[in-house]
Amino acid sequence: MGLLSVAIWLPIAFGAVLLAFGRDSNRGATRWLALIGAVLSFLVTLPLISGFDAGTAAMQFQENLAWIERFNVRYHLGVDGISVWFVLLTAFITVIVVIAGWEVITERAHQYMGAFLILSGLMVGVFSAVDGLLFYVFFEATLIPMYIIIGIWGGPRRVYAAFKFFLYTLLGSLLMLVALVYLYFKSGGSFEILEWHKLPLTMGAQALLFFAFFAAFSVKVPMWPVHTWLPDAHVEAPTGGSVVLAAIMLKLGAYGFLRFSMPIAPDASREYAWFIIALSLIAVIYIGLVAMVQQDMKKLVAYSSIAHMGFVTLGFFVFNELGVSGGLVQMISHGFVSGAMFLCIGVLYDRVHSREIAAYGGVVNTMPKFAAFALLFAMANCGLPGTAGFIGEWMVILGTVKVNFWLGALAATALIFGAAYTLWMYKRVYFGDVANDDVKALQDINAREFFMMAVLAVAVLAMGLYPKPFTDVMHVSVNELLQHVANSKLPKLP
């Protein structure tokens, strides 16, 4: 069994054991088993980076076995410079989520931890799949654990939020399945994604494929106007659910654009780039303004995520290396920063049981250590230079300016809006005098919470101060993709 298979199936195996044998009466053993499973799963992914050859755009660590032979479906795994960091990010965030739920989840802890471990393995499968049907199976399967996580451990409107999340994402994916079946027959009976990249297609076929993939991936990102499920899902989800949703699951859609839409339908991608750019700028500007008026901290950070993901799709569709690499860096940094923001909200919610900004004030007086971490993450969310939040956004803005100065200027307004809504929230929650008895009674973060925050703080600062390892790994694969997109796939006339 190869490294990628172990990275996929090890957390799923630990999750299955927890579901089968875990008991509420033995929460201690459950937590430790979940932590061991998460840590081992993360350690397994480290050789993917240490052994990665950044000088080639080819798929590495490949595994290619027959799965459904009658239809030529393969169990084909591999990673390139575009996908390898997301395998590590998924495993890393899973460790953080297990630690975050250590003391907080008191009911059905074995099912909660098991669901997250299974979800982790499935998401690694999405980033590793090189067979179209295998990708689809993993892509859809991720819905099930998240649906359960929101529906069981969520807030008062959890069933509504879980159903809305499931319905939106499932409906979009059905059109993707139609596109995959069309490509299967068009390619002569192959689900190999890399073969589809070489398949000549008419402009009409490319346009239909482009919008079929757009339906699936835009909902997942989510792009405006199909973003309305996300704030509901975030507000109702438990803290761990919000962290995984923001840090990893939104990236599945953006990754799909790079793996399917752009290389399979390059002519349509260039033809309709204006459409994606327009929707991305609406997300960056309009959703930033919507975030500014939110009174619920979770809802504010949820809208902030939509605005930040607008940068990702904008960077992809300006078709230059700065833009695409910036979009990828933004995806990774957003995983760290948004995950940290939701964890900070979770720390406060566990103590006061309110997400309303008005319920707080003067938290820095009673929780100084925690307030220092929260300030770092808030600054990163604003895009402060020296933090992970700055690198990707700055690269996307530069890449957009290379195409059109005014589009770049519009994108740059996100830095202003981001600073406005994030720092205004921080001011009202943390600064000033102690607002009420709940805040007065707050205890600063314990050793477990300090460790969790410190690890994320190191990640945010390390990526912000030295992003070279990230950009070096993706450089060759991004250039290969852009070269592919620049060449027409329209059938040659005789």
Protein backbone atom coordinates (compact mmCIF):
# COMPACT_ATOMS: atom_id res chain seq x y z
CA MET A 1 0.00 0.00 0.00
CA GLY A 2 1.43 3.38 -1.05
CA LEU A 3 1.73 6.54 1.02
CA LEU A 4 -1.41 8.11 -0.44
CA SER A 5 -3.52 5.04 0.28
CA VAL A 6 -2.26 5.02 3.87
CA ALA A 7 -3.03 8.77 4.16
CA ILE A 8 -6.59 8.08 2.98
CA TRP A 9 -7.45 4.83 4.73
CA LEU A 10 -5.59 5.15 8.04
CA PRO A 11 -7.85 7.93 9.43
CA ILE A 12 -10.91 6.17 7.98
CA ALA A 13 -9.88 2.95 9.77
CA PHE A 14 -9.40 4.79 13.09
CA GLY A 15 -12.76 6.52 12.55
CA ALA A 16 -14.49 3.19 11.87
CA VAL A 17 -12.97 1.66 15.05
CA LEU A 18 -14.22 4.63 17.10
CA LEU A 19 -17.72 4.29 15.64
CA ALA A 20 -17.79 0.55 16.24
CA PHE A 21 -16.24 0.28 19.70
CA GLY A 22 -16.32 3.77 21.23
CA ARG A 23 -18.55 4.41 24.23
CA ASP A 24 -19.65 7.57 26.05
CA SER A 25 -18.71 5.82 29.27
CA ASN A 26 -15.06 5.75 28.18
CA ARG A 27 -14.44 9.21 26.73
CA GLY A 28 -10.78 9.25 27.78
CA ALA A 29 -9.86 6.24 25.63
CA THR A 30 -11.94 7.65 22.77
CA ARG A 31 -10.08 10.96 22.79
CA TRP A 32 -6.65 9.34 22.94
CA LEU A 33 -7.48 6.88 20.16
CA ALA A 34 -8.76 9.75 17.98
CA LEU A 35 -5.63 11.81 18.69
CA ILE A 36 -3.32 8.88 17.91
CA GLY A 37 -5.19 8.29 14.65
CA ALA A 38 -5.03 11.97 13.67
CA VAL A 39 -1.32 12.34 14.54
CA LEU A 40 -0.32 9.14 12.74
CA SER A 41 -2.33 10.23 9.69
CA PHE A 42 -0.49 13.57 9.69
CA LEU A 43 2.94 11.94 10.10
CA VAL A 44 2.21 9.70 7.12
CA THR A 45 1.76 12.76 4.89
CA LEU A 46 5.13 14.35 5.78
CA PRO A 47 7.17 12.11 3.39
CA LEU A 48 4.97 13.42 0.55
CA ILE A 49 6.68 16.81 0.95
CA SER A 50 10.14 15.61 2.01
CA GLY A 51 10.27 13.23 -0.97
CA PHE A 52 8.52 15.52 -3.45
CA ASP A 53 10.41 16.40 -6.65
CA ALA A 54 9.59 20.07 -7.29
CA GLY A 55 11.31 19.94 -10.68
CA THR A 56 8.56 18.03 -12.47
CA ALA A 57 4.88 18.63 -13.15
CA ALA A 58 4.16 14.90 -13.38
CA MET A 59 2.00 13.09 -10.84
CA GLN A 60 4.09 11.61 -8.02
CA PHE A 61 3.56 8.82 -5.47
CA GLN A 62 1.19 7.22 -7.97
CA GLU A 63 -0.89 4.10 -7.29
CA ASN A 64 -2.84 2.66 -10.21
CA LEU A 65 -4.93 -0.46 -9.68
CA ALA A 66 -8.01 -1.88 -11.39
CA TRP A 67 -11.19 -1.02 -9.46
CA ILE A 68 -14.29 -1.60 -11.65
CA GLU A 69 -12.70 -3.39 -14.60
CA ARG A 70 -15.85 -3.68 -16.69
CA PHE A 71 -16.06 0.12 -17.02
CA ASN A 72 -12.31 0.72 -16.92
CA VAL A 73 -12.54 2.56 -13.60
CA ARG A 74 -9.17 2.71 -11.87
CA TYR A 75 -8.09 3.22 -8.27
CA HIS A 76 -5.57 5.80 -9.49
CA LEU A 77 -3.97 8.13 -6.97
CA GLY A 78 -1.22 10.74 -7.35
CA VAL A 79 -0.25 14.26 -6.31
CA ASP A 80 1.48 17.11 -8.10
CA GLY A 81 2.65 20.55 -6.98
CA ILE A 82 -0.95 21.81 -7.01
CA SER A 83 -2.45 19.15 -4.76
CA VAL A 84 0.30 17.91 -2.43
CA TRP A 85 0.09 20.77 0.12
CA PHE A 86 -3.65 20.21 0.56
CA VAL A 87 -3.10 16.61 1.63
CA LEU A 88 -0.83 17.88 4.43
CA LEU A 89 -3.20 20.73 5.31
CA THR A 90 -6.13 18.31 5.66
CA ALA A 91 -4.23 15.99 8.00
CA PHE A 92 -2.85 18.93 10.01
CA ILE A 93 -6.26 20.56 10.53
CA THR A 94 -7.72 17.20 11.63
CA VAL A 95 -5.19 17.03 14.49
CA ILE A 96 -6.19 20.55 15.56
CA VAL A 97 -9.91 19.68 15.44
CA VAL A 98 -9.43 16.58 17.61
CA ILE A 99 -7.55 18.66 20.21
CA ALA A 100 -10.21 21.41 19.99
CA GLY A 101 -13.02 18.96 20.82
CA TRP A 102 -11.08 17.26 23.64
CA GLU A 103 -13.04 18.67 26.59
CA VAL A 104 -15.90 20.38 24.78
CA ILE A 105 -17.65 17.38 23.24
CA THR A 106 -19.21 15.40 26.09
CA GLU A 107 -21.99 13.52 24.28
CA ARG A 108 -21.27 10.87 21.63
CA ALA A 109 -17.60 11.88 21.59
CA HIS A 110 -16.63 8.64 19.83
CA GLN A 111 -19.04 9.37 16.96
CA TYR A 112 -17.90 13.00 16.74
CA MET A 113 -14.20 12.09 16.55
CA GLY A 114 -14.90 9.16 14.25
CA ALA A 115 -16.83 11.36 11.81
CA PHE A 116 -13.95 13.85 11.59
CA LEU A 117 -11.34 11.14 11.00
CA ILE A 118 -13.43 9.56 8.24
CA LEU A 119 -14.02 13.00 6.72
CA SER A 120 -10.25 13.65 6.78
CA GLY A 121 -9.50 10.47 4.81
CA LEU A 122 -12.20 11.24 2.25
CA MET A 123 -10.90 14.79 1.69
CA VAL A 124 -7.36 13.47 1.17
CA GLY A 125 -8.92 11.13 -1.40
CA VAL A 126 -10.38 14.11 -3.29
CA PHE A 127 -6.98 15.80 -3.53
CA SER A 128 -5.26 12.52 -4.53
CA ALA A 129 -7.69 11.02 -7.08
CA VAL A 130 -6.50 10.91 -10.69
CA ASP A 131 -9.49 8.87 -11.89
CA GLY A 132 -12.63 10.91 -12.58
CA LEU A 133 -15.12 8.51 -11.00
CA LEU A 134 -12.88 7.96 -7.98
CA PHE A 135 -12.73 11.75 -7.55
CA TYR A 136 -16.52 11.96 -7.74
CA VAL A 137 -17.01 9.20 -5.15
CA PHE A 138 -14.66 10.90 -2.67
CA PHE A 139 -16.07 14.36 -3.49
CA GLU A 140 -19.64 13.28 -2.75
CA ALA A 141 -18.76 11.06 0.20
CA THR A 142 -17.36 14.07 2.11
CA LEU A 143 -20.94 15.39 2.38
CA ILE A 144 -22.06 12.53 4.62
CA PRO A 145 -19.80 13.04 7.68
CA MET A 146 -20.19 16.83 7.52
CA TYR A 147 -23.98 16.49 7.24
CA ILE A 148 -23.94 14.31 10.37
CA ILE A 149 -21.53 16.64 12.23
CA ILE A 150 -23.75 19.70 11.63
CA GLY A 151 -27.02 17.80 12.12
CA ILE A 152 -26.11 16.16 15.47
CA TRP A 153 -23.65 18.50 17.23
CA GLY A 154 -24.82 21.80 15.74
CA GLY A 155 -26.91 24.65 17.13
CA PRO A 156 -30.70 25.09 17.45
CA ARG A 157 -31.27 25.28 13.65
CA ARG A 158 -28.80 22.50 12.89
CA VAL A 159 -31.19 20.27 10.91
CA TYR A 160 -32.17 23.14 8.60
CA ALA A 161 -28.51 24.14 8.08
CA ALA A 162 -27.38 20.55 7.46
CA PHE A 163 -30.18 19.93 4.96
CA LYS A 164 -29.46 23.18 3.11
CA PHE A 165 -25.73 22.38 2.97
CA PHE A 166 -26.41 18.87 1.64
CA LEU A 167 -29.03 19.94 -0.90
CA TYR A 168 -27.01 22.80 -2.42
CA THR A 169 -23.82 20.80 -2.81
CA LEU A 170 -25.52 17.62 -4.05
CA LEU A 171 -27.56 19.35 -6.76
CA GLY A 172 -24.49 21.07 -8.17
CA SER A 173 -22.56 17.80 -8.23
CA LEU A 174 -25.18 15.98 -10.30
CA LEU A 175 -24.30 18.10 -13.34
CA MET A 176 -20.64 17.23 -12.79
CA LEU A 177 -21.56 13.53 -12.94
CA VAL A 178 -23.24 14.10 -16.33
CA ALA A 179 -20.04 15.83 -17.52
CA LEU A 180 -17.88 12.93 -16.30
CA VAL A 181 -20.05 10.38 -18.12
CA TYR A 182 -19.86 12.46 -21.34
CA LEU A 183 -16.05 12.61 -21.10
CA TYR A 184 -15.92 8.86 -20.43
CA PHE A 185 -17.67 8.08 -23.71
CA LYS A 186 -15.90 10.87 -25.62
CA SER A 187 -12.48 9.50 -24.59
CA GLY A 188 -13.36 5.97 -25.71
CA GLY A 189 -14.12 4.54 -22.28
CA SER A 190 -11.64 6.10 -19.86
CA PHE A 191 -12.09 7.94 -16.58
CA GLU A 192 -8.43 9.04 -16.48
CA ILE A 193 -8.42 12.79 -15.74
CA LEU A 194 -5.01 13.26 -17.38
CA GLU A 195 -6.32 11.72 -20.62
CA TRP A 196 -9.30 14.08 -20.53
CA HIS A 197 -6.81 16.97 -20.38
CA LYS A 198 -5.60 16.00 -23.89
CA LEU A 199 -9.04 15.35 -25.40
CA PRO A 200 -9.93 17.65 -28.36
CA LEU A 201 -13.40 19.17 -27.84
CA THR A 202 -15.58 21.58 -29.81
CA MET A 203 -16.34 24.99 -28.34
CA GLY A 204 -19.96 23.99 -27.68
CA ALA A 205 -18.91 20.86 -25.80
CA GLN A 206 -16.33 22.80 -23.81
CA ALA A 207 -18.89 25.45 -22.86
CA LEU A 208 -21.36 22.84 -21.59
CA LEU A 209 -18.63 21.02 -19.66
CA PHE A 210 -17.34 24.29 -18.22
CA PHE A 211 -20.74 25.26 -16.83
CA ALA A 212 -21.46 21.72 -15.59
CA PHE A 213 -18.22 21.80 -13.59
CA PHE A 214 -18.96 25.39 -12.57
CA ALA A 215 -22.29 24.26 -11.06
CA ALA A 216 -20.50 21.74 -8.83
CA PHE A 217 -17.44 23.74 -7.85
CA SER A 218 -18.94 27.23 -7.46
CA VAL A 219 -21.37 25.95 -4.81
CA LYS A 220 -18.53 24.30 -2.93
CA VAL A 221 -16.22 27.38 -2.94
CA PRO A 222 -18.87 28.99 -2.50
CA MET A 223 -19.14 31.80 -5.05
CA TRP A 224 -21.77 34.52 -5.08
CA PRO A 225 -24.79 34.05 -5.51
CA VAL A 226 -24.80 30.35 -4.47
CA HIS A 227 -23.11 31.13 -1.16
CA THR A 228 -26.20 31.35 1.07
CA TRP A 229 -25.79 27.86 2.56
CA LEU A 230 -22.40 28.69 4.08
CA PRO A 231 -23.30 31.27 6.79
CA ASP A 232 -26.12 28.98 8.01
CA ALA A 233 -23.81 25.94 8.05
CA HIS A 234 -21.06 27.83 9.91
CA VAL A 235 -23.37 29.37 12.52
CA GLU A 236 -25.02 26.04 13.36
CA ALA A 237 -21.96 23.77 13.06
CA PRO A 238 -19.91 22.92 16.15
CA THR A 239 -16.52 24.65 16.29
CA GLY A 240 -14.66 21.69 14.75
CA GLY A 241 -17.18 21.54 11.91
CA SER A 242 -16.69 25.23 11.14
CA VAL A 243 -12.91 24.82 11.18
CA VAL A 244 -12.91 21.91 8.71
CA LEU A 245 -15.58 23.52 6.55
CA ALA A 246 -13.61 26.76 6.18
CA ALA A 247 -10.08 25.34 6.19
CA ILE A 248 -10.54 22.35 3.85
CA MET A 249 -14.01 21.74 2.38
CA LEU A 250 -14.27 25.10 0.61
CA LYS A 251 -10.93 24.28 -1.08
CA LEU A 252 -12.39 21.18 -2.76
CA GLY A 253 -14.38 23.39 -5.14
CA ALA A 254 -11.49 25.71 -5.94
CA TYR A 255 -9.23 22.70 -6.52
CA GLY A 256 -11.82 21.31 -8.96
CA PHE A 257 -11.46 24.40 -11.18
CA LEU A 258 -7.73 23.67 -11.56
CA ARG A 259 -8.08 19.91 -12.05
CA PHE A 260 -11.15 19.87 -14.31
CA SER A 261 -12.53 23.16 -15.66
CA MET A 262 -9.34 24.87 -16.85
CA PRO A 263 -7.38 21.94 -18.37
CA ILE A 264 -10.37 20.04 -19.83
CA ALA A 265 -12.14 23.10 -21.29
CA PRO A 266 -9.32 25.67 -21.81
CA ASP A 267 -11.02 27.53 -24.67
CA ALA A 268 -14.26 27.87 -22.70
CA SER A 269 -12.28 28.86 -19.60
CA ARG A 270 -10.67 31.75 -21.49
CA GLU A 271 -13.98 32.65 -23.16
CA TYR A 272 -15.91 32.84 -19.88
CA ALA A 273 -13.12 34.08 -17.63
CA TRP A 274 -14.85 37.48 -17.45
CA PHE A 275 -17.86 35.75 -15.86
CA ILE A 276 -15.78 34.14 -13.09
CA ILE A 277 -13.81 37.35 -12.54
CA ALA A 278 -17.04 39.36 -12.20
CA LEU A 279 -18.51 36.90 -9.65
CA SER A 280 -15.20 36.85 -7.76
CA LEU A 281 -15.07 40.64 -7.49
CA ILE A 282 -18.69 40.73 -6.30
CA ALA A 283 -17.72 38.23 -3.59
CA VAL A 284 -14.66 40.27 -2.64
CA ILE A 285 -16.47 43.64 -2.43
CA TYR A 286 -20.18 43.02 -1.78
CA ILE A 287 -19.70 40.10 0.66
CA GLY A 288 -17.04 42.17 2.45
CA LEU A 289 -19.67 44.85 3.03
CA VAL A 290 -22.18 42.21 4.18
CA ALA A 291 -19.61 40.93 6.71
CA MET A 292 -19.26 44.43 8.14
CA VAL A 293 -22.86 44.58 9.42
CA GLN A 294 -22.95 41.15 11.09
CA GLN A 295 -23.63 40.97 14.82
CA ASP A 296 -22.81 37.25 15.13
CA MET A 297 -19.04 36.58 15.19
CA LYS A 298 -19.35 33.26 13.40
CA LYS A 299 -21.50 34.74 10.66
CA LEU A 300 -19.01 37.57 10.22
CA VAL A 301 -16.08 35.15 9.77
CA ALA A 302 -18.24 32.97 7.47
CA TYR A 303 -18.87 35.94 5.14
CA SER A 304 -15.19 36.82 5.46
CA SER A 305 -14.36 33.32 4.15
CA ILE A 306 -16.53 33.87 1.07
CA ALA A 307 -14.76 37.17 0.38
CA HIS A 308 -11.32 35.58 0.80
CA MET A 309 -12.23 32.66 -1.46
CA GLY A 310 -13.26 35.24 -4.08
CA PHE A 311 -9.54 36.07 -4.27
CA VAL A 312 -8.80 32.43 -5.09
CA THR A 313 -11.13 32.17 -8.09
CA LEU A 314 -10.06 35.65 -9.27
CA GLY A 315 -6.41 34.57 -9.22
CA PHE A 316 -7.11 31.38 -11.16
CA PHE A 317 -8.92 33.09 -14.02
CA VAL A 318 -6.44 35.89 -14.74
CA PHE A 319 -4.28 33.12 -16.25
CA ASN A 320 -0.81 34.14 -15.11
CA GLU A 321 1.59 32.50 -12.70
CA LEU A 322 1.30 35.21 -10.05
CA GLY A 323 -2.50 34.90 -10.04
CA VAL A 324 -2.75 31.09 -10.00
CA SER A 325 0.10 30.61 -7.49
CA GLY A 326 -1.40 33.43 -5.39
CA GLY A 327 -4.77 31.67 -5.45
CA LEU A 328 -3.17 28.43 -4.25
CA VAL A 329 -1.19 30.20 -1.52
CA GLN A 330 -4.40 31.98 -0.48
CA MET A 331 -6.17 28.60 -0.18
CA ILE A 332 -3.47 27.28 2.16
CA SER A 333 -3.17 30.46 4.24
CA HIS A 334 -6.96 30.74 4.49
CA GLY A 335 -6.93 27.21 5.90
CA PHE A 336 -4.70 28.35 8.75
CA VAL A 337 -6.26 31.78 9.35
CA SER A 338 -9.96 30.96 9.04
CA GLY A 339 -9.48 27.80 11.11
CA ALA A 340 -7.80 29.89 13.81
CA MET A 341 -10.56 32.54 13.70
CA PHE A 342 -13.28 29.93 14.22
CA LEU A 343 -11.31 28.30 17.03
CA CYS A 344 -11.06 31.69 18.79
CA ILE A 345 -14.83 32.10 18.54
CA GLY A 346 -15.21 28.55 19.86
CA VAL A 347 -13.04 29.32 22.90
CA LEU A 348 -15.32 32.25 23.81
CA TYR A 349 -18.51 30.32 23.04
CA ASP A 350 -17.47 27.40 25.28
CA ARG A 351 -17.24 29.85 28.21
CA VAL A 352 -20.12 32.32 27.62
CA HIS A 353 -22.39 30.33 25.23
CA SER A 354 -22.97 33.31 22.99
CA ARG A 355 -21.57 34.28 19.60
CA GLU A 356 -23.10 37.77 19.65
CA ILE A 357 -20.53 40.57 19.56
CA ALA A 358 -22.72 42.59 21.96
CA ALA A 359 -22.33 39.89 24.64
CA TYR A 360 -18.64 40.72 25.02
CA GLY A 361 -16.34 43.67 25.64
CA GLY A 362 -13.07 44.01 27.51
CA VAL A 363 -12.06 40.35 27.10
CA VAL A 364 -8.39 41.41 27.03
CA ASN A 365 -8.69 42.29 30.74
CA THR A 366 -9.59 38.75 31.78
CA MET A 367 -7.97 36.67 28.98
CA PRO A 368 -4.74 38.49 28.00
CA LYS A 369 -2.94 35.46 26.51
CA PHE A 370 -5.95 34.51 24.45
CA ALA A 371 -6.49 38.12 23.31
CA ALA A 372 -2.88 38.23 22.03
CA PHE A 373 -3.42 35.12 19.86
CA ALA A 374 -6.79 36.46 18.66
CA LEU A 375 -5.12 39.73 17.65
CA LEU A 376 -2.50 37.91 15.57
CA PHE A 377 -5.19 35.91 13.76
CA ALA A 378 -7.34 39.02 13.25
CA MET A 379 -4.36 40.82 11.70
CA ALA A 380 -3.70 37.83 9.44
CA ASN A 381 -7.36 37.90 8.39
CA CYS A 382 -6.86 41.57 7.42
CA GLY A 383 -3.87 40.64 5.27
CA LEU A 384 -1.15 42.18 7.45
CA PRO A 385 2.34 41.84 5.86
CA GLY A 386 4.38 39.20 7.68
CA THR A 387 1.36 36.93 8.16
CA ALA A 388 0.03 34.14 5.92
CA GLY A 389 -3.04 36.22 5.04
CA PHE A 390 -0.96 38.77 3.14
CA ILE A 391 1.04 36.60 0.71
CA GLY A 392 -1.75 35.05 -1.38
CA GLU A 393 -3.89 38.20 -1.60
CA TRP A 394 -0.91 40.32 -2.61
CA MET A 395 0.10 37.84 -5.33
CA VAL A 396 -3.46 37.73 -6.69
CA ILE A 397 -3.67 41.55 -6.74
CA LEU A 398 -0.34 41.78 -8.59
CA GLY A 399 -1.43 39.08 -11.05
CA THR A 400 -4.73 40.90 -11.65
CA VAL A 401 -2.99 44.26 -12.15
CA LYS A 402 -0.86 42.62 -14.88
CA VAL A 403 -4.10 41.90 -16.74
CA ASN A 404 -6.02 45.08 -15.91
CA PHE A 405 -5.10 47.80 -13.42
CA TRP A 406 -8.69 48.65 -12.51
CA LEU A 407 -9.61 45.03 -11.79
CA GLY A 408 -6.58 44.86 -9.49
CA ALA A 409 -7.64 48.10 -7.79
CA LEU A 410 -11.14 46.68 -7.17
CA ALA A 411 -9.65 43.49 -5.72
CA ALA A 412 -7.40 45.55 -3.42
CA THR A 413 -10.47 47.11 -1.76
CA ALA A 414 -10.85 43.75 0.02
CA LEU A 415 -7.84 44.66 2.15
CA ILE A 416 -9.70 47.77 3.33
CA PHE A 417 -12.99 45.97 3.97
CA GLY A 418 -11.19 43.05 5.63
CA ALA A 419 -9.42 45.39 8.02
CA ALA A 420 -12.67 47.26 8.70
CA TYR A 421 -14.89 44.32 9.68
CA THR A 422 -12.19 42.25 11.41
CA LEU A 423 -10.69 45.03 13.53
CA TRP A 424 -14.08 46.52 14.38
CA MET A 425 -15.17 43.10 15.66
CA TYR A 426 -11.92 42.76 17.63
CA LYS A 427 -12.34 46.23 19.14
CA ARG A 428 -15.88 45.53 20.35
CA VAL A 429 -15.13 42.05 21.72
CA TYR A 430 -11.68 42.48 23.29
CA PHE A 431 -10.94 46.15 24.01
CA GLY A 432 -12.47 48.56 26.51
CA ASP A 433 -13.66 47.98 30.03
CA VAL A 434 -15.11 44.67 31.17
CA ALA A 435 -18.65 44.82 29.80
CA ASN A 436 -20.56 42.39 32.04
CA ASP A 437 -20.33 39.66 34.68
CA ASP A 438 -19.87 36.91 32.05
CA VAL A 439 -16.71 38.58 30.75
CA LYS A 440 -15.55 39.32 34.31
CA ALA A 441 -15.77 35.61 35.17
CA LEU A 442 -13.76 34.45 32.13
CA GLN A 443 -10.68 32.29 32.70
CA ASP A 444 -7.71 32.57 30.32
CA ILE A 445 -6.89 29.70 27.97
CA ASN A 446 -5.62 26.45 29.47
CA ALA A 447 -2.57 24.46 28.30
CA ARG A 448 -4.54 22.53 25.66
CA GLU A 449 -6.00 25.68 24.14
CA PHE A 450 -2.64 27.47 24.35
CA PHE A 451 -0.93 24.64 22.45
CA MET A 452 -3.64 24.67 19.76
CA MET A 453 -3.37 28.45 19.29
CA ALA A 454 0.45 28.41 19.38
CA VAL A 455 0.71 25.78 16.64
CA LEU A 456 -1.59 27.79 14.37
CA ALA A 457 0.24 31.02 15.23
CA VAL A 458 3.56 29.44 14.19
CA ALA A 459 1.97 28.25 10.91
CA VAL A 460 0.53 31.72 10.18
CA LEU A 461 3.81 33.51 10.89
CA ALA A 462 6.06 30.93 9.19
CA MET A 463 4.06 31.05 5.97
CA GLY A 464 3.84 34.85 6.11
CA LEU A 465 7.57 35.37 6.68
CA TYR A 466 8.89 32.59 4.43
CA PRO A 467 6.40 31.43 1.75
CA LYS A 468 9.16 30.12 -0.57
CA PRO A 469 8.71 26.38 0.25
CA PHE A 470 5.04 26.63 -0.74
CA THR A 471 5.59 28.53 -4.00
CA ASP A 472 8.61 26.40 -5.00
CA VAL A 473 6.60 23.17 -4.81
CA MET A 474 3.74 24.51 -6.95
CA HIS A 475 5.82 26.54 -9.46
CA VAL A 476 6.41 23.88 -12.16
CA SER A 477 2.87 22.42 -11.96
CA VAL A 478 1.30 25.89 -12.21
CA ASN A 479 3.39 26.75 -15.29
CA GLU A 480 2.46 23.42 -16.89
CA LEU A 481 -1.23 24.11 -16.25
CA LEU A 482 -1.02 27.64 -17.70
CA GLN A 483 0.78 26.36 -20.79
CA HIS A 484 -1.96 23.76 -21.20
CA VAL A 485 -4.73 26.35 -20.84
CA ALA A 486 -3.02 28.66 -23.37
CA ASN A 487 -3.22 25.99 -26.10
CA SER A 488 -6.54 25.52 -27.89
CA LYS A 489 -8.19 22.10 -27.76
CA LEU A 490 -10.58 22.82 -30.62
CA PRO A 491 -10.44 20.00 -33.23
CA LYS A 492 -8.14 20.86 -36.13
CA LEU A 493 -9.97 21.51 -39.40
CA PRO A 494 -8.89 19.25 -42.32
